[in-house]
N, C-alpha and C. Protein backbone atom coordinates (compact mmCIF):
# COMPACT_ATOMS: atom_id res chain seq x y z
N MET A 1 -126.87 -109.15 -43.28
CA MET A 1 -126.13 -110.28 -43.43
C MET A 1 -126.49 -111.27 -42.19
N GLY A 2 -126.56 -112.63 -42.46
CA GLY A 2 -126.85 -113.47 -41.45
C GLY A 2 -126.02 -114.76 -41.41
N TRP A 3 -125.97 -115.40 -40.26
CA TRP A 3 -125.17 -116.68 -40.07
C TRP A 3 -125.96 -117.43 -39.10
N GLN A 4 -125.95 -118.74 -39.23
CA GLN A 4 -126.74 -119.63 -38.29
C GLN A 4 -126.03 -120.88 -38.17
N LYS A 5 -126.07 -121.47 -36.93
CA LYS A 5 -125.49 -122.76 -36.63
C LYS A 5 -126.19 -123.43 -35.46
N THR A 6 -126.49 -124.69 -35.57
CA THR A 6 -127.04 -125.43 -34.50
C THR A 6 -125.97 -126.30 -33.91
N PHE A 7 -125.84 -126.32 -32.60
CA PHE A 7 -124.75 -127.10 -31.95
C PHE A 7 -125.36 -127.72 -30.61
N THR A 8 -124.59 -128.68 -30.10
CA THR A 8 -125.11 -129.31 -28.86
C THR A 8 -124.13 -129.06 -27.76
N LEU A 9 -124.66 -128.58 -26.62
CA LEU A 9 -123.89 -128.36 -25.38
C LEU A 9 -123.57 -129.68 -24.69
N SER A 10 -122.48 -129.73 -24.02
CA SER A 10 -122.14 -130.97 -23.21
C SER A 10 -123.26 -131.31 -22.27
N SER A 11 -123.35 -132.65 -22.01
CA SER A 11 -124.39 -133.13 -21.10
C SER A 11 -124.20 -132.70 -19.68
N ARG A 12 -125.22 -132.12 -19.04
CA ARG A 12 -125.25 -131.64 -17.61
C ARG A 12 -126.53 -132.04 -16.96
N SER A 13 -126.35 -132.19 -15.64
CA SER A 13 -127.53 -132.53 -14.81
C SER A 13 -128.06 -131.18 -14.24
N LYS A 14 -129.07 -131.31 -13.34
CA LYS A 14 -129.76 -130.21 -12.76
C LYS A 14 -128.78 -129.15 -12.26
N GLY A 15 -129.06 -127.90 -12.54
CA GLY A 15 -128.25 -126.78 -11.94
C GLY A 15 -128.06 -125.73 -13.02
N CYS A 16 -127.47 -124.64 -12.47
CA CYS A 16 -127.14 -123.43 -13.40
C CYS A 16 -125.64 -123.58 -13.77
N HIS A 17 -125.41 -123.72 -15.13
CA HIS A 17 -124.07 -123.97 -15.62
C HIS A 17 -123.58 -122.86 -16.49
N LEU A 18 -122.39 -122.37 -16.21
CA LEU A 18 -121.79 -121.38 -17.11
C LEU A 18 -121.21 -122.01 -18.33
N VAL A 19 -121.78 -121.54 -19.45
CA VAL A 19 -121.47 -122.22 -20.74
C VAL A 19 -120.80 -121.14 -21.75
N THR A 20 -120.37 -120.03 -21.36
CA THR A 20 -119.92 -119.03 -22.14
C THR A 20 -118.82 -119.45 -23.06
N ASP A 21 -117.78 -120.15 -22.56
CA ASP A 21 -116.70 -120.63 -23.36
C ASP A 21 -117.12 -121.64 -24.39
N GLU A 22 -117.97 -122.53 -23.93
CA GLU A 22 -118.55 -123.56 -24.84
C GLU A 22 -119.27 -122.97 -26.05
N VAL A 23 -120.06 -121.88 -25.73
CA VAL A 23 -120.77 -121.14 -26.86
C VAL A 23 -119.84 -120.43 -27.74
N TYR A 24 -118.88 -119.76 -27.09
CA TYR A 24 -117.90 -119.01 -27.98
C TYR A 24 -117.19 -119.88 -28.87
N ALA A 25 -116.76 -121.12 -28.52
CA ALA A 25 -116.09 -122.00 -29.37
C ALA A 25 -116.97 -122.34 -30.59
N GLN A 26 -118.26 -122.34 -30.50
CA GLN A 26 -119.08 -122.74 -31.54
C GLN A 26 -119.43 -121.53 -32.51
N ILE A 27 -119.52 -120.32 -31.85
CA ILE A 27 -119.97 -119.15 -32.64
C ILE A 27 -118.90 -118.28 -33.24
N THR A 28 -117.59 -118.47 -32.84
CA THR A 28 -116.56 -117.62 -33.30
C THR A 28 -116.49 -117.44 -34.82
N PRO A 29 -116.63 -118.46 -35.49
CA PRO A 29 -116.68 -118.32 -37.03
C PRO A 29 -117.75 -117.33 -37.45
N GLY A 30 -118.82 -117.23 -36.79
CA GLY A 30 -119.98 -116.52 -37.19
C GLY A 30 -119.93 -115.05 -36.71
N ILE A 31 -119.11 -114.74 -35.72
CA ILE A 31 -119.02 -113.35 -35.17
C ILE A 31 -117.78 -112.60 -35.45
N LYS A 32 -116.72 -113.31 -35.89
CA LYS A 32 -115.33 -112.78 -35.97
C LYS A 32 -115.22 -111.56 -36.90
N ASP A 33 -116.02 -111.54 -38.01
CA ASP A 33 -115.98 -110.35 -38.82
C ASP A 33 -117.19 -109.41 -38.77
N VAL A 34 -117.96 -109.50 -37.64
CA VAL A 34 -119.13 -108.69 -37.45
C VAL A 34 -118.73 -107.41 -36.72
N LYS A 35 -118.90 -106.22 -37.34
CA LYS A 35 -118.54 -104.95 -36.72
C LYS A 35 -119.56 -104.64 -35.69
N VAL A 36 -120.81 -104.63 -36.08
CA VAL A 36 -122.04 -104.37 -35.21
C VAL A 36 -123.10 -105.39 -35.54
N GLY A 37 -123.53 -106.06 -34.60
CA GLY A 37 -124.67 -107.05 -34.85
C GLY A 37 -125.24 -107.56 -33.51
N MET A 38 -126.00 -108.65 -33.78
CA MET A 38 -126.69 -109.29 -32.53
C MET A 38 -126.62 -110.79 -32.72
N LEU A 39 -126.37 -111.43 -31.54
CA LEU A 39 -126.36 -112.91 -31.46
C LEU A 39 -127.67 -113.25 -30.69
N PHE A 40 -128.37 -114.17 -31.31
CA PHE A 40 -129.52 -114.73 -30.71
C PHE A 40 -129.30 -116.29 -30.39
N LEU A 41 -129.43 -116.66 -29.20
CA LEU A 41 -129.33 -118.10 -28.83
C LEU A 41 -130.66 -118.61 -28.38
N PHE A 42 -131.05 -119.73 -29.10
CA PHE A 42 -132.33 -120.37 -28.80
C PHE A 42 -132.11 -121.84 -28.51
N ILE A 43 -132.72 -122.16 -27.28
CA ILE A 43 -132.56 -123.58 -26.86
C ILE A 43 -133.75 -124.31 -27.36
N GLN A 44 -133.52 -125.47 -27.98
CA GLN A 44 -134.65 -126.28 -28.57
C GLN A 44 -135.11 -127.36 -27.59
N HIS A 45 -135.46 -126.91 -26.33
CA HIS A 45 -135.95 -127.85 -25.36
C HIS A 45 -136.91 -127.16 -24.42
N THR A 46 -137.74 -127.92 -23.74
CA THR A 46 -138.82 -127.32 -22.90
C THR A 46 -138.50 -127.63 -21.49
N SER A 47 -137.32 -128.08 -21.11
CA SER A 47 -137.03 -128.43 -19.64
C SER A 47 -135.64 -127.94 -19.31
N ALA A 48 -135.11 -126.96 -20.04
CA ALA A 48 -133.92 -126.24 -19.79
C ALA A 48 -134.05 -124.84 -20.43
N ALA A 49 -133.14 -123.93 -19.99
CA ALA A 49 -133.40 -122.57 -20.51
C ALA A 49 -132.01 -121.88 -20.51
N LEU A 50 -131.93 -120.65 -21.11
CA LEU A 50 -130.77 -119.91 -21.25
C LEU A 50 -130.95 -118.55 -20.58
N THR A 51 -129.89 -118.02 -19.88
CA THR A 51 -130.03 -116.79 -19.27
C THR A 51 -128.51 -116.10 -19.24
N ILE A 52 -128.51 -114.93 -18.85
CA ILE A 52 -127.18 -114.23 -18.55
C ILE A 52 -127.28 -113.85 -17.15
N ASN A 53 -126.04 -114.15 -16.51
CA ASN A 53 -125.86 -113.72 -15.08
C ASN A 53 -124.40 -113.56 -14.74
N GLU A 54 -124.19 -113.39 -13.51
CA GLU A 54 -122.75 -113.33 -12.99
C GLU A 54 -121.94 -114.48 -13.35
N ASN A 55 -120.68 -114.30 -13.85
CA ASN A 55 -119.81 -115.38 -14.24
C ASN A 55 -118.64 -115.58 -13.27
N TYR A 56 -118.48 -114.75 -12.23
CA TYR A 56 -117.34 -114.90 -11.37
C TYR A 56 -117.55 -115.83 -10.21
N ASP A 57 -118.58 -115.47 -9.33
CA ASP A 57 -118.71 -116.35 -8.12
C ASP A 57 -119.68 -117.55 -8.32
N ARG A 58 -119.12 -118.78 -8.15
CA ARG A 58 -119.94 -119.96 -8.28
C ARG A 58 -121.18 -120.05 -7.50
N ASP A 59 -121.22 -119.38 -6.33
CA ASP A 59 -122.28 -119.37 -5.38
C ASP A 59 -123.55 -118.78 -6.12
N VAL A 60 -123.45 -117.84 -6.93
CA VAL A 60 -124.51 -117.34 -7.74
C VAL A 60 -125.36 -118.37 -8.41
N ARG A 61 -124.53 -119.29 -9.09
CA ARG A 61 -125.22 -120.37 -9.77
C ARG A 61 -126.07 -121.19 -8.79
N LYS A 62 -125.42 -121.54 -7.66
CA LYS A 62 -126.16 -122.39 -6.58
C LYS A 62 -127.39 -121.62 -6.02
N ASP A 63 -127.13 -120.25 -5.79
CA ASP A 63 -128.31 -119.43 -5.30
C ASP A 63 -129.52 -119.48 -6.30
N MET A 64 -129.17 -119.32 -7.55
CA MET A 64 -130.21 -119.27 -8.60
C MET A 64 -130.94 -120.58 -8.56
N ASP A 65 -130.24 -121.68 -8.51
CA ASP A 65 -130.89 -123.02 -8.50
C ASP A 65 -131.73 -123.16 -7.28
N MET A 66 -131.20 -122.72 -6.14
CA MET A 66 -132.05 -122.76 -4.89
C MET A 66 -133.28 -121.89 -4.99
N ALA A 67 -133.18 -120.69 -5.47
CA ALA A 67 -134.28 -119.84 -5.62
C ALA A 67 -135.29 -120.28 -6.49
N LEU A 68 -134.93 -120.82 -7.68
CA LEU A 68 -135.88 -121.42 -8.67
C LEU A 68 -136.63 -122.65 -7.97
N ASP A 69 -135.81 -123.45 -7.23
CA ASP A 69 -136.53 -124.60 -6.63
C ASP A 69 -137.58 -124.04 -5.59
N ASN A 70 -137.28 -122.93 -4.97
CA ASN A 70 -138.30 -122.44 -3.97
C ASN A 70 -139.46 -121.69 -4.69
N ILE A 71 -139.22 -121.07 -5.72
CA ILE A 71 -140.29 -120.45 -6.58
C ILE A 71 -141.17 -121.48 -7.18
N VAL A 72 -140.60 -122.51 -7.77
CA VAL A 72 -141.35 -123.59 -8.41
C VAL A 72 -140.94 -124.95 -7.86
N PRO A 73 -141.48 -125.29 -6.68
CA PRO A 73 -141.10 -126.54 -6.12
C PRO A 73 -141.62 -127.76 -6.77
N GLU A 74 -140.76 -128.80 -6.69
CA GLU A 74 -141.12 -130.16 -7.28
C GLU A 74 -142.21 -130.75 -6.41
N SER A 75 -142.39 -130.30 -5.24
CA SER A 75 -143.38 -130.92 -4.34
C SER A 75 -144.90 -130.47 -4.59
N LEU A 76 -145.10 -129.68 -5.41
CA LEU A 76 -146.48 -129.27 -5.85
C LEU A 76 -147.16 -130.56 -6.39
N ASN A 77 -148.45 -130.57 -6.53
CA ASN A 77 -149.19 -131.68 -7.05
C ASN A 77 -149.20 -131.56 -8.55
N TRP A 78 -148.07 -131.85 -9.27
CA TRP A 78 -148.03 -131.77 -10.65
C TRP A 78 -148.67 -132.83 -11.31
N MET A 79 -149.50 -132.56 -12.39
CA MET A 79 -150.27 -133.63 -13.13
C MET A 79 -149.45 -134.20 -14.27
N HIS A 80 -148.70 -133.47 -14.94
CA HIS A 80 -147.85 -133.95 -16.09
C HIS A 80 -146.51 -134.49 -15.59
N THR A 81 -146.42 -135.76 -15.34
CA THR A 81 -145.17 -136.35 -14.77
C THR A 81 -144.80 -137.57 -15.71
N ASP A 82 -145.13 -137.54 -16.93
CA ASP A 82 -144.83 -138.67 -17.82
C ASP A 82 -143.41 -139.09 -17.86
N GLU A 83 -142.53 -138.10 -17.76
CA GLU A 83 -141.09 -138.51 -17.74
C GLU A 83 -140.35 -138.40 -16.31
N GLY A 84 -141.22 -138.31 -15.34
CA GLY A 84 -140.73 -138.32 -14.01
C GLY A 84 -141.21 -137.14 -13.14
N PRO A 85 -141.05 -137.05 -11.93
CA PRO A 85 -141.48 -136.01 -11.03
C PRO A 85 -140.93 -134.69 -11.30
N ASP A 86 -139.88 -134.55 -12.10
CA ASP A 86 -139.31 -133.22 -12.45
C ASP A 86 -139.82 -132.77 -13.84
N ASP A 87 -140.77 -133.44 -14.42
CA ASP A 87 -141.29 -133.11 -15.79
C ASP A 87 -141.88 -131.76 -15.91
N SER A 88 -143.08 -131.59 -15.34
CA SER A 88 -143.86 -130.30 -15.41
C SER A 88 -143.14 -129.14 -14.61
N VAL A 89 -142.47 -129.47 -13.54
CA VAL A 89 -141.81 -128.51 -12.85
C VAL A 89 -140.61 -127.90 -13.75
N SER A 90 -139.99 -128.75 -14.54
CA SER A 90 -139.00 -128.26 -15.49
C SER A 90 -139.49 -127.35 -16.56
N HIS A 91 -140.74 -127.78 -17.05
CA HIS A 91 -141.28 -126.93 -18.13
C HIS A 91 -141.69 -125.61 -17.64
N THR A 92 -142.24 -125.50 -16.36
CA THR A 92 -142.67 -124.24 -15.75
C THR A 92 -141.41 -123.37 -15.50
N LYS A 93 -140.37 -123.91 -15.00
CA LYS A 93 -139.15 -122.98 -14.83
C LYS A 93 -138.59 -122.54 -16.28
N THR A 94 -138.62 -123.41 -17.26
CA THR A 94 -138.25 -122.88 -18.52
C THR A 94 -139.07 -121.80 -19.01
N SER A 95 -140.34 -121.78 -18.77
CA SER A 95 -141.20 -120.79 -19.18
C SER A 95 -140.75 -119.36 -18.41
N LEU A 96 -140.38 -119.51 -17.19
CA LEU A 96 -140.06 -118.40 -16.41
C LEU A 96 -138.65 -117.81 -16.89
N ILE A 97 -137.70 -118.58 -17.14
CA ILE A 97 -136.41 -118.14 -17.50
C ILE A 97 -136.40 -117.79 -18.96
N GLY A 98 -136.91 -118.66 -19.86
CA GLY A 98 -136.92 -118.33 -21.29
C GLY A 98 -135.96 -119.13 -22.09
N ALA A 99 -136.35 -119.32 -23.37
CA ALA A 99 -135.72 -120.08 -24.33
C ALA A 99 -134.62 -119.36 -25.23
N THR A 100 -134.67 -117.95 -25.13
CA THR A 100 -133.90 -117.25 -25.98
C THR A 100 -133.14 -116.13 -25.22
N ILE A 101 -131.92 -115.79 -25.59
CA ILE A 101 -131.20 -114.66 -25.12
C ILE A 101 -130.57 -113.99 -26.35
N SER A 102 -130.38 -112.66 -26.18
CA SER A 102 -129.80 -111.77 -27.27
C SER A 102 -128.59 -111.09 -26.62
N ILE A 103 -127.50 -111.01 -27.40
CA ILE A 103 -126.34 -110.40 -27.01
C ILE A 103 -125.75 -109.59 -28.15
N PRO A 104 -125.42 -108.29 -27.91
CA PRO A 104 -124.76 -107.42 -28.91
C PRO A 104 -123.44 -108.00 -29.24
N ILE A 105 -123.13 -107.83 -30.47
CA ILE A 105 -121.70 -108.17 -31.06
C ILE A 105 -121.09 -106.82 -31.49
N THR A 106 -119.88 -106.56 -31.04
CA THR A 106 -119.18 -105.37 -31.34
C THR A 106 -117.68 -105.74 -31.70
N ASP A 107 -117.29 -105.37 -32.89
CA ASP A 107 -115.95 -105.71 -33.41
C ASP A 107 -115.60 -107.15 -33.23
N GLY A 108 -116.48 -108.06 -33.61
CA GLY A 108 -116.18 -109.49 -33.56
C GLY A 108 -116.20 -110.20 -32.26
N HIS A 109 -116.69 -109.50 -31.21
CA HIS A 109 -116.75 -110.06 -29.80
C HIS A 109 -118.11 -109.86 -29.25
N LEU A 110 -118.58 -110.74 -28.39
CA LEU A 110 -119.83 -110.62 -27.64
C LEU A 110 -119.58 -109.38 -26.71
N ASN A 111 -120.54 -108.49 -26.60
CA ASN A 111 -120.45 -107.28 -25.82
C ASN A 111 -121.12 -107.51 -24.52
N LEU A 112 -120.58 -108.49 -23.77
CA LEU A 112 -121.15 -108.82 -22.37
C LEU A 112 -120.48 -107.92 -21.40
N GLY A 113 -121.16 -107.65 -20.34
CA GLY A 113 -120.55 -106.84 -19.24
C GLY A 113 -119.43 -107.56 -18.54
N THR A 114 -118.64 -106.88 -17.71
CA THR A 114 -117.50 -107.42 -17.10
C THR A 114 -117.74 -108.70 -16.34
N TRP A 115 -118.88 -108.86 -15.70
CA TRP A 115 -119.14 -110.03 -14.82
C TRP A 115 -120.25 -110.89 -15.44
N GLN A 116 -120.60 -110.70 -16.66
CA GLN A 116 -121.72 -111.43 -17.30
C GLN A 116 -121.26 -112.69 -18.00
N GLY A 117 -122.03 -113.78 -17.89
CA GLY A 117 -121.73 -114.94 -18.66
C GLY A 117 -122.97 -115.55 -19.06
N ILE A 118 -122.82 -116.54 -20.07
CA ILE A 118 -124.11 -117.20 -20.56
C ILE A 118 -124.38 -118.53 -19.70
N TYR A 119 -125.51 -118.69 -19.17
CA TYR A 119 -125.93 -119.84 -18.36
C TYR A 119 -126.81 -120.78 -19.15
N LEU A 120 -126.55 -122.04 -19.02
CA LEU A 120 -127.53 -123.06 -19.27
C LEU A 120 -128.23 -123.37 -17.89
N THR A 121 -129.56 -123.20 -17.80
CA THR A 121 -130.20 -123.64 -16.61
C THR A 121 -130.91 -125.00 -16.87
N GLU A 122 -130.30 -126.04 -16.37
CA GLU A 122 -130.86 -127.34 -16.61
C GLU A 122 -131.76 -127.69 -15.49
N PHE A 123 -132.97 -128.02 -15.77
CA PHE A 123 -134.00 -128.37 -14.75
C PHE A 123 -134.27 -129.77 -14.45
N ARG A 124 -133.79 -130.70 -15.31
CA ARG A 124 -134.02 -132.10 -15.21
C ARG A 124 -132.87 -132.71 -14.28
N HIS A 125 -133.20 -133.69 -13.41
CA HIS A 125 -132.23 -134.21 -12.54
C HIS A 125 -131.22 -135.06 -13.37
N ALA A 126 -131.71 -135.81 -14.27
CA ALA A 126 -130.73 -136.59 -15.11
C ALA A 126 -129.95 -135.70 -16.09
N ALA A 127 -128.83 -136.04 -16.41
CA ALA A 127 -128.04 -135.23 -17.38
C ALA A 127 -128.54 -135.35 -18.80
N HIS A 128 -128.63 -134.18 -19.50
CA HIS A 128 -129.00 -134.13 -20.85
C HIS A 128 -128.05 -133.20 -21.64
N SER A 129 -127.96 -133.60 -22.90
CA SER A 129 -127.21 -132.59 -23.75
C SER A 129 -128.39 -131.79 -24.44
N ARG A 130 -128.01 -130.50 -24.69
CA ARG A 130 -128.97 -129.62 -25.25
C ARG A 130 -128.54 -128.88 -26.47
N ARG A 131 -129.50 -128.87 -27.44
CA ARG A 131 -129.22 -128.29 -28.76
C ARG A 131 -129.59 -126.75 -28.69
N ILE A 132 -128.69 -125.95 -29.23
CA ILE A 132 -128.77 -124.52 -29.27
C ILE A 132 -128.77 -124.14 -30.72
N VAL A 133 -129.58 -123.17 -31.15
CA VAL A 133 -129.51 -122.56 -32.46
C VAL A 133 -128.94 -121.09 -32.15
N ALA A 134 -127.83 -120.86 -32.81
CA ALA A 134 -127.13 -119.52 -32.77
C ALA A 134 -127.44 -118.80 -34.12
N THR A 135 -128.02 -117.58 -34.01
CA THR A 135 -128.27 -116.82 -35.17
C THR A 135 -127.55 -115.51 -35.00
N VAL A 136 -126.85 -115.01 -35.99
CA VAL A 136 -126.10 -113.72 -36.00
C VAL A 136 -126.70 -113.00 -37.10
N LEU A 137 -127.11 -111.70 -36.76
CA LEU A 137 -127.61 -110.74 -37.67
C LEU A 137 -126.65 -109.50 -37.53
N SER A 138 -126.31 -109.03 -38.77
CA SER A 138 -125.44 -107.85 -38.77
C SER A 138 -125.84 -106.94 -39.96
């Protein structure tokens, strides 16, 4: 059995943002009756990504953003800068983090660990809203 919905996350600028509650609000109708299944979240963009990480300490989000900036610095001699100096650097970070995450569903709830949450990692300096495709398979 399957369920699918496309929704848009609130607009955010560069950084790692905890979006678990915003995602839950959109997917609850699709998971509430699922005994055992999987949720797949796919972001329809090439300059932002999805990941799962600690949801308690806000410093983790700042540390992740700092680490990604050091791994893929904007100061490199990027050739593709059609939309600004953060263009190609954003695409590269997206490839490293990924466009899709999968989360088990158990008894109508996401089976995340105690300290796990869903992150939007936004790599563009200007705020953007991001489309997500949620697919539930059970």
